[in-house]
Amino acid sequence: MGNFFDDFLKNIFGSPEKAPMKVRENFVIKESERNDLVDWMGSENCEFFFALVYKNYHFKRTGINDNPQVHVFDSPYANGFAVAYQPPFDQKSFSRLFLAFSQRILALGYEQVSLDRKFEEINDQVKVSEKFYFKPPLQLPAEGELISQLYGNVALEKVSVDNKPSFIKLLATVYSDRLYQDAKPFDQLMDRIFEKHSDG
């Protein structure tokens, strides 16, 4: 699957000699941010950024890089992508995109398990990770049937360094448990997250 963005951050921070300070806290999205997000998700600006990231995701899969750069994670048990904070993003549109992804995942029937923020101080710089974690809804399958896992568990993360956004990462991890049906294809998850008006 590769650790492109982990290596990227190591290049920024170097290798610390002592264990970094880490603080984790749960938090909730403010009502004002939710209201702003609803308006933005119905805008042409939102459609523009969704279309741009989706295009660059498919470009990357064919070996083409374009800004904002997208990195693809591909393995038997985990699939995903990360998009870098590069033009034409600004801080507001990048934050809105992160929250918009969360709403589109919920619209697919997922349940939000947690939302937390982690602070790490590394070589006089501060890395902040905001992370949603989603699971398929709990269900009792009919007798003789397996449990649907939808597309597996989904983690959605936005990372910033010294108050400047760095990247957004989405990762779907599938269950290999015999109690579950096979996960639906990741490509289908991408199509449904990025399709127009999937939030309405």
N, C-alpha and C. Protein backbone atom coordinates (compact mmCIF):
# COMPACT_ATOMS: atom_id res chain seq x y z
N MET A 1 0.84 -1.20 0.00
CA MET A 1 0.00 0.00 0.00
C MET A 1 0.88 1.25 0.00
N GLY A 2 2.05 1.19 0.58
CA GLY A 2 2.94 2.33 0.56
C GLY A 2 2.63 3.34 1.65
N ASN A 3 3.64 4.08 2.03
CA ASN A 3 3.49 5.10 3.06
C ASN A 3 3.98 6.44 2.53
N PHE A 4 3.49 6.82 1.35
CA PHE A 4 3.93 8.02 0.67
C PHE A 4 3.84 9.24 1.57
N PHE A 5 2.66 9.43 2.21
CA PHE A 5 2.48 10.64 3.01
C PHE A 5 3.20 10.55 4.35
N ASP A 6 3.37 9.34 4.90
CA ASP A 6 4.18 9.19 6.10
C ASP A 6 5.63 9.59 5.80
N ASP A 7 6.14 9.12 4.65
CA ASP A 7 7.51 9.48 4.25
C ASP A 7 7.62 10.97 4.00
N PHE A 8 6.57 11.54 3.39
CA PHE A 8 6.52 12.97 3.12
C PHE A 8 6.66 13.77 4.42
N LEU A 9 5.93 13.34 5.45
CA LEU A 9 6.00 14.04 6.74
C LEU A 9 7.35 13.83 7.41
N LYS A 10 7.94 12.64 7.25
CA LYS A 10 9.27 12.40 7.82
C LYS A 10 10.30 13.35 7.20
N ASN A 11 10.14 13.59 5.89
CA ASN A 11 11.06 14.50 5.22
C ASN A 11 10.92 15.92 5.76
N ILE A 12 9.72 16.30 6.15
CA ILE A 12 9.50 17.63 6.73
C ILE A 12 10.10 17.69 8.12
N PHE A 13 9.79 16.68 8.93
CA PHE A 13 10.15 16.73 10.35
C PHE A 13 11.53 16.16 10.66
N GLY A 14 12.03 15.30 9.78
CA GLY A 14 13.25 14.57 10.13
C GLY A 14 12.91 13.47 11.12
N SER A 15 13.92 12.90 11.76
CA SER A 15 13.71 11.83 12.73
C SER A 15 13.94 12.39 14.13
N PRO A 16 12.89 12.53 14.92
CA PRO A 16 13.07 13.10 16.26
C PRO A 16 13.88 12.17 17.16
N GLU A 17 14.71 12.77 18.04
CA GLU A 17 15.54 11.97 18.94
C GLU A 17 14.74 11.48 20.13
N LYS A 18 13.70 12.21 20.51
CA LYS A 18 12.88 11.77 21.64
C LYS A 18 11.45 11.58 21.18
N ALA A 19 10.71 10.81 21.95
CA ALA A 19 9.32 10.54 21.59
C ALA A 19 8.53 11.85 21.56
N PRO A 20 7.76 12.09 20.48
CA PRO A 20 7.01 13.34 20.39
C PRO A 20 5.85 13.38 21.37
N MET A 21 5.50 14.60 21.78
CA MET A 21 4.32 14.80 22.63
C MET A 21 3.07 14.55 21.79
N LYS A 22 2.13 13.82 22.34
CA LYS A 22 0.89 13.51 21.62
C LYS A 22 -0.30 13.78 22.53
N VAL A 23 -1.27 14.49 21.99
CA VAL A 23 -2.53 14.75 22.70
C VAL A 23 -3.67 14.42 21.77
N ARG A 24 -4.64 13.66 22.26
CA ARG A 24 -5.80 13.31 21.44
C ARG A 24 -7.07 13.76 22.16
N GLU A 25 -8.01 14.33 21.40
CA GLU A 25 -9.27 14.77 21.98
C GLU A 25 -10.41 14.48 21.01
N ASN A 26 -11.58 14.20 21.56
CA ASN A 26 -12.78 14.08 20.74
C ASN A 26 -13.35 15.48 20.54
N PHE A 27 -14.00 15.70 19.39
CA PHE A 27 -14.63 16.99 19.19
C PHE A 27 -15.83 16.82 18.27
N VAL A 28 -16.63 17.87 18.16
CA VAL A 28 -17.81 17.84 17.29
C VAL A 28 -17.73 19.03 16.33
N ILE A 29 -18.39 18.88 15.20
CA ILE A 29 -18.44 19.97 14.22
C ILE A 29 -19.42 21.03 14.71
N LYS A 30 -19.01 22.28 14.67
CA LYS A 30 -19.87 23.38 15.13
C LYS A 30 -21.10 23.52 14.24
N GLU A 31 -22.18 24.01 14.85
CA GLU A 31 -23.43 24.21 14.10
C GLU A 31 -23.22 25.17 12.93
N SER A 32 -22.44 26.22 13.14
CA SER A 32 -22.18 27.19 12.07
C SER A 32 -21.45 26.52 10.90
N GLU A 33 -20.52 25.59 11.22
CA GLU A 33 -19.80 24.88 10.16
C GLU A 33 -20.74 23.94 9.40
N ARG A 34 -21.66 23.31 10.14
CA ARG A 34 -22.64 22.42 9.49
C ARG A 34 -23.52 23.19 8.53
N ASN A 35 -23.99 24.36 8.96
CA ASN A 35 -24.85 25.18 8.11
C ASN A 35 -24.11 25.66 6.87
N ASP A 36 -22.85 26.08 7.07
CA ASP A 36 -22.02 26.51 5.95
C ASP A 36 -21.81 25.36 4.97
N LEU A 37 -21.61 24.14 5.52
CA LEU A 37 -21.35 22.97 4.68
C LEU A 37 -22.56 22.63 3.82
N VAL A 38 -23.75 22.72 4.40
CA VAL A 38 -24.97 22.42 3.64
C VAL A 38 -25.08 23.36 2.43
N ASP A 39 -24.82 24.64 2.66
CA ASP A 39 -24.86 25.61 1.56
C ASP A 39 -23.80 25.30 0.52
N TRP A 40 -22.58 25.00 0.98
CA TRP A 40 -21.47 24.76 0.05
C TRP A 40 -21.70 23.50 -0.78
N MET A 41 -22.26 22.46 -0.17
CA MET A 41 -22.45 21.20 -0.90
C MET A 41 -23.48 21.32 -2.01
N GLY A 42 -24.28 22.38 -1.98
CA GLY A 42 -25.23 22.61 -3.06
C GLY A 42 -24.70 23.59 -4.11
N SER A 43 -23.41 23.95 -4.00
CA SER A 43 -22.86 24.99 -4.87
C SER A 43 -22.05 24.42 -6.03
N GLU A 44 -21.85 25.25 -7.06
CA GLU A 44 -21.00 24.87 -8.19
C GLU A 44 -19.55 24.74 -7.75
N ASN A 45 -19.15 25.51 -6.74
CA ASN A 45 -17.79 25.43 -6.21
C ASN A 45 -17.51 24.04 -5.67
N CYS A 46 -18.47 23.46 -4.96
CA CYS A 46 -18.33 22.09 -4.43
C CYS A 46 -18.20 21.10 -5.58
N GLU A 47 -19.07 21.22 -6.57
CA GLU A 47 -19.02 20.30 -7.72
C GLU A 47 -17.67 20.40 -8.43
N PHE A 48 -17.13 21.62 -8.53
CA PHE A 48 -15.84 21.82 -9.19
C PHE A 48 -14.75 21.02 -8.47
N PHE A 49 -14.66 21.15 -7.13
CA PHE A 49 -13.60 20.47 -6.39
C PHE A 49 -13.78 18.95 -6.37
N PHE A 50 -15.01 18.49 -6.25
CA PHE A 50 -15.24 17.04 -6.31
C PHE A 50 -14.81 16.49 -7.67
N ALA A 51 -15.20 17.18 -8.74
CA ALA A 51 -14.85 16.73 -10.09
C ALA A 51 -13.34 16.75 -10.31
N LEU A 52 -12.67 17.77 -9.76
CA LEU A 52 -11.22 17.89 -9.92
C LEU A 52 -10.49 16.75 -9.22
N VAL A 53 -10.85 16.46 -7.96
CA VAL A 53 -10.19 15.38 -7.22
C VAL A 53 -10.46 14.03 -7.88
N TYR A 54 -11.71 13.82 -8.32
CA TYR A 54 -12.07 12.55 -8.96
C TYR A 54 -11.30 12.36 -10.25
N LYS A 55 -11.16 13.43 -11.04
CA LYS A 55 -10.39 13.36 -12.29
C LYS A 55 -8.94 13.00 -11.99
N ASN A 56 -8.35 13.68 -10.99
CA ASN A 56 -6.94 13.44 -10.69
C ASN A 56 -6.70 12.07 -10.07
N TYR A 57 -7.72 11.54 -9.38
CA TYR A 57 -7.64 10.17 -8.88
C TYR A 57 -7.51 9.19 -10.05
N HIS A 58 -8.36 9.37 -11.05
CA HIS A 58 -8.30 8.48 -12.23
C HIS A 58 -7.04 8.72 -13.05
N PHE A 59 -6.58 9.97 -13.12
CA PHE A 59 -5.31 10.26 -13.78
C PHE A 59 -4.18 9.47 -13.10
N LYS A 60 -4.15 9.53 -11.76
CA LYS A 60 -3.09 8.86 -11.01
C LYS A 60 -3.08 7.37 -11.27
N ARG A 61 -4.25 6.79 -11.40
CA ARG A 61 -4.34 5.34 -11.64
C ARG A 61 -3.79 4.96 -13.01
N THR A 62 -3.69 5.93 -13.90
CA THR A 62 -3.09 5.66 -15.21
C THR A 62 -1.67 6.20 -15.31
N GLY A 63 -1.12 6.66 -14.16
CA GLY A 63 0.27 7.11 -14.12
C GLY A 63 0.47 8.58 -14.41
N ILE A 64 -0.59 9.36 -14.42
CA ILE A 64 -0.49 10.81 -14.70
C ILE A 64 -0.65 11.58 -13.40
N ASN A 65 0.24 12.54 -13.16
CA ASN A 65 0.13 13.42 -11.99
C ASN A 65 -0.35 14.79 -12.42
N ASP A 66 -1.31 15.33 -11.69
CA ASP A 66 -1.78 16.69 -11.94
C ASP A 66 -2.14 17.30 -10.59
N ASN A 67 -2.06 18.62 -10.49
CA ASN A 67 -2.39 19.28 -9.22
C ASN A 67 -3.89 19.50 -9.09
N PRO A 68 -4.44 19.31 -7.88
CA PRO A 68 -3.76 18.83 -6.68
C PRO A 68 -3.46 17.33 -6.80
N GLN A 69 -2.27 16.93 -6.36
CA GLN A 69 -1.84 15.55 -6.54
C GLN A 69 -2.67 14.60 -5.67
N VAL A 70 -2.95 13.44 -6.23
CA VAL A 70 -3.69 12.39 -5.54
C VAL A 70 -2.81 11.16 -5.46
N HIS A 71 -2.75 10.52 -4.30
CA HIS A 71 -2.01 9.28 -4.11
C HIS A 71 -3.02 8.16 -3.91
N VAL A 72 -2.77 7.01 -4.52
CA VAL A 72 -3.72 5.88 -4.47
C VAL A 72 -3.16 4.78 -3.59
N PHE A 73 -3.99 4.26 -2.67
CA PHE A 73 -3.65 3.12 -1.82
C PHE A 73 -4.41 1.91 -2.35
N ASP A 74 -3.70 0.82 -2.60
CA ASP A 74 -4.34 -0.34 -3.23
C ASP A 74 -3.74 -1.63 -2.67
N SER A 75 -4.54 -2.40 -1.92
CA SER A 75 -4.09 -3.68 -1.39
C SER A 75 -5.32 -4.59 -1.25
N PRO A 76 -5.12 -5.88 -0.98
CA PRO A 76 -6.28 -6.77 -0.87
C PRO A 76 -7.24 -6.38 0.26
N TYR A 77 -6.73 -5.77 1.34
CA TYR A 77 -7.58 -5.51 2.49
C TYR A 77 -7.83 -4.03 2.78
N ALA A 78 -7.14 -3.15 2.09
CA ALA A 78 -7.34 -1.72 2.32
C ALA A 78 -7.13 -0.96 1.02
N ASN A 79 -8.07 -0.08 0.72
CA ASN A 79 -7.98 0.74 -0.49
C ASN A 79 -8.35 2.16 -0.13
N GLY A 80 -7.76 3.11 -0.84
CA GLY A 80 -8.09 4.49 -0.55
C GLY A 80 -7.32 5.45 -1.42
N PHE A 81 -7.38 6.71 -1.01
CA PHE A 81 -6.66 7.75 -1.73
C PHE A 81 -6.34 8.88 -0.76
N ALA A 82 -5.40 9.71 -1.14
CA ALA A 82 -5.09 10.93 -0.41
C ALA A 82 -4.92 12.04 -1.42
N VAL A 83 -5.42 13.22 -1.06
CA VAL A 83 -5.28 14.39 -1.94
C VAL A 83 -4.47 15.45 -1.20
N ALA A 84 -3.48 16.00 -1.90
CA ALA A 84 -2.58 16.98 -1.30
C ALA A 84 -3.20 18.38 -1.31
N TYR A 85 -2.78 19.17 -0.35
CA TYR A 85 -3.20 20.57 -0.30
C TYR A 85 -2.33 21.37 -1.26
N GLN A 86 -2.85 21.58 -2.45
CA GLN A 86 -2.16 22.32 -3.50
C GLN A 86 -3.20 23.16 -4.23
N PRO A 87 -2.76 24.20 -4.99
CA PRO A 87 -3.72 24.98 -5.77
C PRO A 87 -4.55 24.05 -6.66
N PRO A 88 -5.83 24.35 -6.87
CA PRO A 88 -6.51 25.60 -6.53
C PRO A 88 -7.17 25.62 -5.14
N PHE A 89 -6.82 24.68 -4.24
CA PHE A 89 -7.40 24.71 -2.90
C PHE A 89 -6.94 25.93 -2.12
N ASP A 90 -7.83 26.44 -1.27
CA ASP A 90 -7.42 27.30 -0.17
C ASP A 90 -7.85 26.60 1.11
N GLN A 91 -7.51 27.18 2.27
CA GLN A 91 -7.78 26.47 3.53
C GLN A 91 -9.27 26.20 3.71
N LYS A 92 -10.11 27.15 3.32
CA LYS A 92 -11.55 26.99 3.53
C LYS A 92 -12.12 25.87 2.65
N SER A 93 -11.76 25.88 1.36
CA SER A 93 -12.29 24.84 0.46
C SER A 93 -11.77 23.46 0.85
N PHE A 94 -10.53 23.38 1.35
CA PHE A 94 -9.96 22.08 1.74
C PHE A 94 -10.70 21.54 2.96
N SER A 95 -10.97 22.41 3.93
CA SER A 95 -11.71 21.99 5.13
C SER A 95 -13.14 21.58 4.77
N ARG A 96 -13.76 22.35 3.88
CA ARG A 96 -15.12 22.01 3.44
C ARG A 96 -15.15 20.67 2.72
N LEU A 97 -14.14 20.41 1.89
CA LEU A 97 -14.09 19.13 1.16
C LEU A 97 -14.01 17.97 2.14
N PHE A 98 -13.18 18.10 3.16
CA PHE A 98 -13.03 17.07 4.19
C PHE A 98 -14.39 16.77 4.84
N LEU A 99 -15.10 17.80 5.25
CA LEU A 99 -16.41 17.61 5.88
C LEU A 99 -17.44 17.09 4.89
N ALA A 100 -17.35 17.53 3.64
CA ALA A 100 -18.29 17.05 2.61
C ALA A 100 -18.11 15.55 2.36
N PHE A 101 -16.84 15.08 2.35
CA PHE A 101 -16.60 13.64 2.23
C PHE A 101 -17.33 12.89 3.35
N SER A 102 -17.25 13.42 4.57
CA SER A 102 -17.89 12.74 5.71
C SER A 102 -19.40 12.63 5.51
N GLN A 103 -20.02 13.68 4.96
CA GLN A 103 -21.46 13.66 4.74
C GLN A 103 -21.85 12.66 3.66
N ARG A 104 -21.03 12.55 2.65
CA ARG A 104 -21.34 11.60 1.57
C ARG A 104 -21.16 10.16 2.03
N ILE A 105 -20.23 9.91 2.94
CA ILE A 105 -20.07 8.57 3.51
C ILE A 105 -21.30 8.22 4.36
N LEU A 106 -21.76 9.16 5.17
CA LEU A 106 -22.97 8.94 5.97
C LEU A 106 -24.18 8.68 5.08
N ALA A 107 -24.24 9.36 3.94
CA ALA A 107 -25.37 9.19 3.02
C ALA A 107 -25.42 7.79 2.42
N LEU A 108 -24.31 7.05 2.50
CA LEU A 108 -24.26 5.68 1.96
C LEU A 108 -24.75 4.66 2.99
N GLY A 109 -25.16 5.13 4.18
CA GLY A 109 -25.67 4.21 5.20
C GLY A 109 -24.69 3.92 6.32
N TYR A 110 -23.54 4.58 6.31
CA TYR A 110 -22.55 4.37 7.36
C TYR A 110 -22.95 5.08 8.65
N GLU A 111 -22.38 4.62 9.75
CA GLU A 111 -22.56 5.27 11.04
C GLU A 111 -21.22 5.82 11.50
N GLN A 112 -21.23 7.07 11.98
CA GLN A 112 -20.01 7.67 12.49
C GLN A 112 -19.73 7.13 13.89
N VAL A 113 -18.57 6.50 14.04
CA VAL A 113 -18.18 5.92 15.33
C VAL A 113 -17.44 6.95 16.18
N SER A 114 -16.59 7.75 15.53
CA SER A 114 -15.80 8.73 16.30
C SER A 114 -15.34 9.86 15.40
N LEU A 115 -14.99 10.97 16.05
CA LEU A 115 -14.33 12.10 15.41
C LEU A 115 -13.35 12.64 16.43
N ASP A 116 -12.06 12.53 16.14
CA ASP A 116 -11.08 13.01 17.10
C ASP A 116 -10.00 13.85 16.43
N ARG A 117 -9.26 14.53 17.28
CA ARG A 117 -8.18 15.40 16.82
C ARG A 117 -6.94 15.03 17.60
N LYS A 118 -5.83 14.84 16.90
CA LYS A 118 -4.57 14.47 17.56
C LYS A 118 -3.51 15.53 17.26
N PHE A 119 -2.85 16.00 18.33
CA PHE A 119 -1.77 16.98 18.20
C PHE A 119 -0.45 16.27 18.47
N GLU A 120 0.53 16.51 17.61
CA GLU A 120 1.88 15.98 17.83
C GLU A 120 2.88 17.11 17.63
N GLU A 121 3.79 17.27 18.60
CA GLU A 121 4.85 18.25 18.46
C GLU A 121 6.12 17.52 18.03
N ILE A 122 6.62 17.89 16.85
CA ILE A 122 7.78 17.20 16.30
C ILE A 122 8.76 18.25 15.79
N ASN A 123 9.94 18.28 16.38
CA ASN A 123 10.98 19.23 15.95
C ASN A 123 10.46 20.65 15.81
N ASP A 124 9.80 21.13 16.84
CA ASP A 124 9.28 22.51 16.89
C ASP A 124 8.17 22.79 15.89
N GLN A 125 7.62 21.75 15.31
CA GLN A 125 6.45 21.91 14.45
C GLN A 125 5.31 21.10 15.04
N VAL A 126 4.08 21.51 14.73
CA VAL A 126 2.90 20.83 15.27
C VAL A 126 2.11 20.21 14.13
N LYS A 127 1.94 18.91 14.23
CA LYS A 127 1.11 18.17 13.28
C LYS A 127 -0.24 17.93 13.94
N VAL A 128 -1.31 18.28 13.24
CA VAL A 128 -2.66 18.07 13.75
C VAL A 128 -3.41 17.15 12.79
N SER A 129 -3.96 16.06 13.31
CA SER A 129 -4.75 15.12 12.51
C SER A 129 -6.19 15.12 13.00
N GLU A 130 -7.12 15.42 12.13
CA GLU A 130 -8.54 15.30 12.44
C GLU A 130 -9.07 14.08 11.71
N LYS A 131 -9.74 13.18 12.45
CA LYS A 131 -10.06 11.88 11.87
C LYS A 131 -11.48 11.43 12.21
N PHE A 132 -12.25 11.14 11.15
CA PHE A 132 -13.54 10.47 11.29
C PHE A 132 -13.32 8.96 11.15
N TYR A 133 -14.13 8.19 11.88
CA TYR A 133 -14.11 6.74 11.71
C TYR A 133 -15.55 6.28 11.53
N PHE A 134 -15.81 5.55 10.45
CA PHE A 134 -17.16 5.10 10.11
C PHE A 134 -17.21 3.58 10.02
N LYS A 135 -18.34 3.02 10.47
CA LYS A 135 -18.57 1.58 10.35
C LYS A 135 -19.91 1.33 9.68
N PRO A 136 -20.07 0.17 9.02
CA PRO A 136 -21.39 -0.20 8.51
C PRO A 136 -22.37 -0.30 9.67
N PRO A 137 -23.66 -0.07 9.42
CA PRO A 137 -24.63 -0.14 10.52
C PRO A 137 -24.71 -1.55 11.10
N LEU A 138 -24.90 -1.63 12.42
CA LEU A 138 -25.11 -2.92 13.07
C LEU A 138 -26.42 -3.52 12.58
N GLN A 139 -26.42 -4.81 12.31
CA GLN A 139 -27.63 -5.44 11.78
C GLN A 139 -27.66 -6.92 12.16
N LEU A 140 -28.86 -7.45 12.26
CA LEU A 140 -29.04 -8.88 12.47
C LEU A 140 -29.42 -9.50 11.12
N PRO A 141 -28.53 -10.31 10.56
CA PRO A 141 -28.85 -10.90 9.25
C PRO A 141 -29.94 -11.96 9.39
N ALA A 142 -30.64 -12.19 8.29
CA ALA A 142 -31.63 -13.27 8.26
C ALA A 142 -30.88 -14.60 8.42
N GLU A 143 -31.60 -15.59 8.93
CA GLU A 143 -30.97 -16.89 9.18
C GLU A 143 -30.33 -17.44 7.91
N GLY A 144 -29.08 -17.85 8.03
CA GLY A 144 -28.38 -18.42 6.88
C GLY A 144 -27.72 -17.39 5.99
N GLU A 145 -27.90 -16.11 6.30
CA GLU A 145 -27.30 -15.06 5.48
C GLU A 145 -26.10 -14.44 6.19
N LEU A 146 -25.20 -13.89 5.40
CA LEU A 146 -24.04 -13.21 5.95
C LEU A 146 -24.34 -11.73 6.16
N ILE A 147 -23.57 -11.08 7.02
CA ILE A 147 -23.77 -9.67 7.34
C ILE A 147 -23.13 -8.80 6.25
N SER A 148 -23.83 -7.78 5.81
CA SER A 148 -23.26 -6.84 4.84
C SER A 148 -22.25 -5.94 5.53
N GLN A 149 -21.08 -5.80 4.91
CA GLN A 149 -20.08 -4.87 5.45
C GLN A 149 -19.99 -3.61 4.57
N LEU A 150 -20.93 -3.45 3.62
CA LEU A 150 -20.86 -2.35 2.65
C LEU A 150 -19.47 -2.37 2.00
N TYR A 151 -18.68 -1.30 2.20
CA TYR A 151 -17.35 -1.22 1.60
C TYR A 151 -16.25 -1.45 2.64
N GLY A 152 -16.63 -1.97 3.82
CA GLY A 152 -15.69 -2.13 4.92
C GLY A 152 -15.74 -0.93 5.86
N ASN A 153 -14.82 -0.87 6.80
CA ASN A 153 -14.70 0.30 7.67
C ASN A 153 -14.04 1.44 6.90
N VAL A 154 -14.46 2.67 7.17
CA VAL A 154 -13.90 3.81 6.45
C VAL A 154 -13.31 4.82 7.44
N ALA A 155 -12.05 5.18 7.22
CA ALA A 155 -11.39 6.22 8.00
C ALA A 155 -11.14 7.41 7.08
N LEU A 156 -11.45 8.60 7.58
CA LEU A 156 -11.28 9.83 6.82
C LEU A 156 -10.47 10.79 7.67
N GLU A 157 -9.34 11.28 7.15
CA GLU A 157 -8.41 12.06 7.97
C GLU A 157 -7.93 13.30 7.22
N LYS A 158 -7.83 14.40 7.96
CA LYS A 158 -7.22 15.63 7.42
C LYS A 158 -6.01 15.98 8.29
N VAL A 159 -4.86 16.15 7.67
CA VAL A 159 -3.61 16.42 8.39
C VAL A 159 -3.12 17.83 8.05
N SER A 160 -2.76 18.57 9.11
CA SER A 160 -2.17 19.90 8.94
C SER A 160 -0.84 19.96 9.68
N VAL A 161 0.07 20.79 9.18
CA VAL A 161 1.36 21.01 9.83
C VAL A 161 1.52 22.51 10.05
N ASP A 162 1.70 22.90 11.32
CA ASP A 162 1.82 24.32 11.68
C ASP A 162 0.67 25.15 11.09
N ASN A 163 -0.52 24.66 11.28
CA ASN A 163 -1.75 25.35 10.85
C ASN A 163 -1.92 25.45 9.34
N LYS A 164 -1.09 24.75 8.58
CA LYS A 164 -1.26 24.72 7.13
C LYS A 164 -1.70 23.32 6.71
N PRO A 165 -2.82 23.20 6.01
CA PRO A 165 -3.27 21.86 5.58
C PRO A 165 -2.19 21.14 4.78
N SER A 166 -2.14 19.83 4.90
CA SER A 166 -1.15 19.01 4.19
C SER A 166 -1.83 18.03 3.23
N PHE A 167 -2.74 17.20 3.76
CA PHE A 167 -3.47 16.28 2.89
C PHE A 167 -4.72 15.77 3.58
N ILE A 168 -5.64 15.24 2.76
CA ILE A 168 -6.83 14.51 3.22
C ILE A 168 -6.68 13.08 2.73
N LYS A 169 -6.93 12.13 3.63
CA LYS A 169 -6.81 10.71 3.26
C LYS A 169 -8.09 9.96 3.60
N LEU A 170 -8.55 9.13 2.69
CA LEU A 170 -9.69 8.24 2.93
C LEU A 170 -9.21 6.81 2.72
N LEU A 171 -9.51 5.93 3.68
CA LEU A 171 -9.07 4.54 3.60
C LEU A 171 -10.21 3.62 3.99
N ALA A 172 -10.53 2.67 3.12
CA ALA A 172 -11.56 1.66 3.40
C ALA A 172 -10.87 0.33 3.67
N THR A 173 -11.12 -0.24 4.86
CA THR A 173 -10.49 -1.49 5.28
C THR A 173 -11.56 -2.57 5.39
N VAL A 174 -11.39 -3.69 4.69
CA VAL A 174 -12.45 -4.70 4.62
C VAL A 174 -12.28 -5.75 5.72
N TYR A 175 -13.41 -6.32 6.13
CA TYR A 175 -13.40 -7.45 7.07
C TYR A 175 -13.09 -8.72 6.30
N SER A 176 -12.27 -9.59 6.90
CA SER A 176 -12.04 -10.90 6.30
C SER A 176 -12.77 -11.99 7.08
N ASP A 177 -13.66 -11.58 8.00
CA ASP A 177 -14.40 -12.49 8.85
C ASP A 177 -15.43 -13.28 8.02
N ARG A 178 -15.58 -14.59 8.32
CA ARG A 178 -16.52 -15.43 7.56
C ARG A 178 -17.98 -15.08 7.82
N LEU A 179 -18.24 -14.27 8.86
CA LEU A 179 -19.62 -13.86 9.15
C LEU A 179 -20.12 -12.78 8.18
N TYR A 180 -19.17 -12.19 7.44
CA TYR A 180 -19.52 -11.05 6.58
C TYR A 180 -19.50 -11.42 5.10
N GLN A 181 -20.38 -10.76 4.37
CA GLN A 181 -20.31 -10.82 2.91
C GLN A 181 -19.02 -10.15 2.46
N ASP A 182 -18.59 -10.45 1.24
CA ASP A 182 -17.45 -9.73 0.68
C ASP A 182 -17.81 -8.25 0.59
N ALA A 183 -16.82 -7.40 0.79
CA ALA A 183 -17.05 -5.96 0.66
C ALA A 183 -17.40 -5.62 -0.78
N LYS A 184 -18.22 -4.58 -0.93
CA LYS A 184 -18.50 -4.09 -2.28
C LYS A 184 -17.22 -3.45 -2.84
N PRO A 185 -17.11 -3.36 -4.17
CA PRO A 185 -15.85 -2.86 -4.77
C PRO A 185 -15.55 -1.41 -4.37
N PHE A 186 -14.27 -1.14 -4.14
CA PHE A 186 -13.87 0.22 -3.77
C PHE A 186 -14.19 1.22 -4.88
N ASP A 187 -14.05 0.79 -6.12
CA ASP A 187 -14.38 1.70 -7.23
C ASP A 187 -15.82 2.17 -7.13
N GLN A 188 -16.70 1.30 -6.67
CA GLN A 188 -18.11 1.69 -6.50
C GLN A 188 -18.26 2.72 -5.38
N LEU A 189 -17.48 2.55 -4.31
CA LEU A 189 -17.49 3.54 -3.23
C LEU A 189 -17.04 4.90 -3.77
N MET A 190 -15.98 4.91 -4.56
CA MET A 190 -15.50 6.17 -5.14
C MET A 190 -16.57 6.80 -6.02
N ASP A 191 -17.20 5.98 -6.86
CA ASP A 191 -18.25 6.51 -7.74
C ASP A 191 -19.36 7.16 -6.93
N ARG A 192 -19.75 6.52 -5.85
CA ARG A 192 -20.88 7.01 -5.05
C ARG A 192 -20.51 8.23 -4.22
N ILE A 193 -19.29 8.29 -3.74
CA ILE A 193 -18.86 9.48 -3.00
C ILE A 193 -18.79 10.69 -3.93
N PHE A 194 -18.31 10.46 -5.14
CA PHE A 194 -18.04 11.58 -6.04
C PHE A 194 -19.17 11.89 -7.02
N GLU A 195 -20.20 11.08 -7.05
CA GLU A 195 -21.29 11.38 -8.01
C GLU A 195 -21.96 12.68 -7.62
N LYS A 196 -22.45 13.39 -8.61
CA LYS A 196 -23.11 14.67 -8.36
C LYS A 196 -24.37 14.47 -7.54
N HIS A 197 -24.58 15.38 -6.60
CA HIS A 197 -25.82 15.42 -5.79
C HIS A 197 -26.03 14.17 -4.96
N SER A 198 -24.95 13.40 -4.62
CA SER A 198 -25.14 12.21 -3.79
C SER A 198 -25.47 12.59 -2.35
N ASP A 199 -25.36 13.90 -2.06
CA ASP A 199 -25.69 14.34 -0.70
C ASP A 199 -27.14 14.73 -0.58
N GLY A 200 -27.90 14.69 -1.65
CA GLY A 200 -29.28 15.16 -1.58
C GLY A 200 -30.26 14.06 -1.76
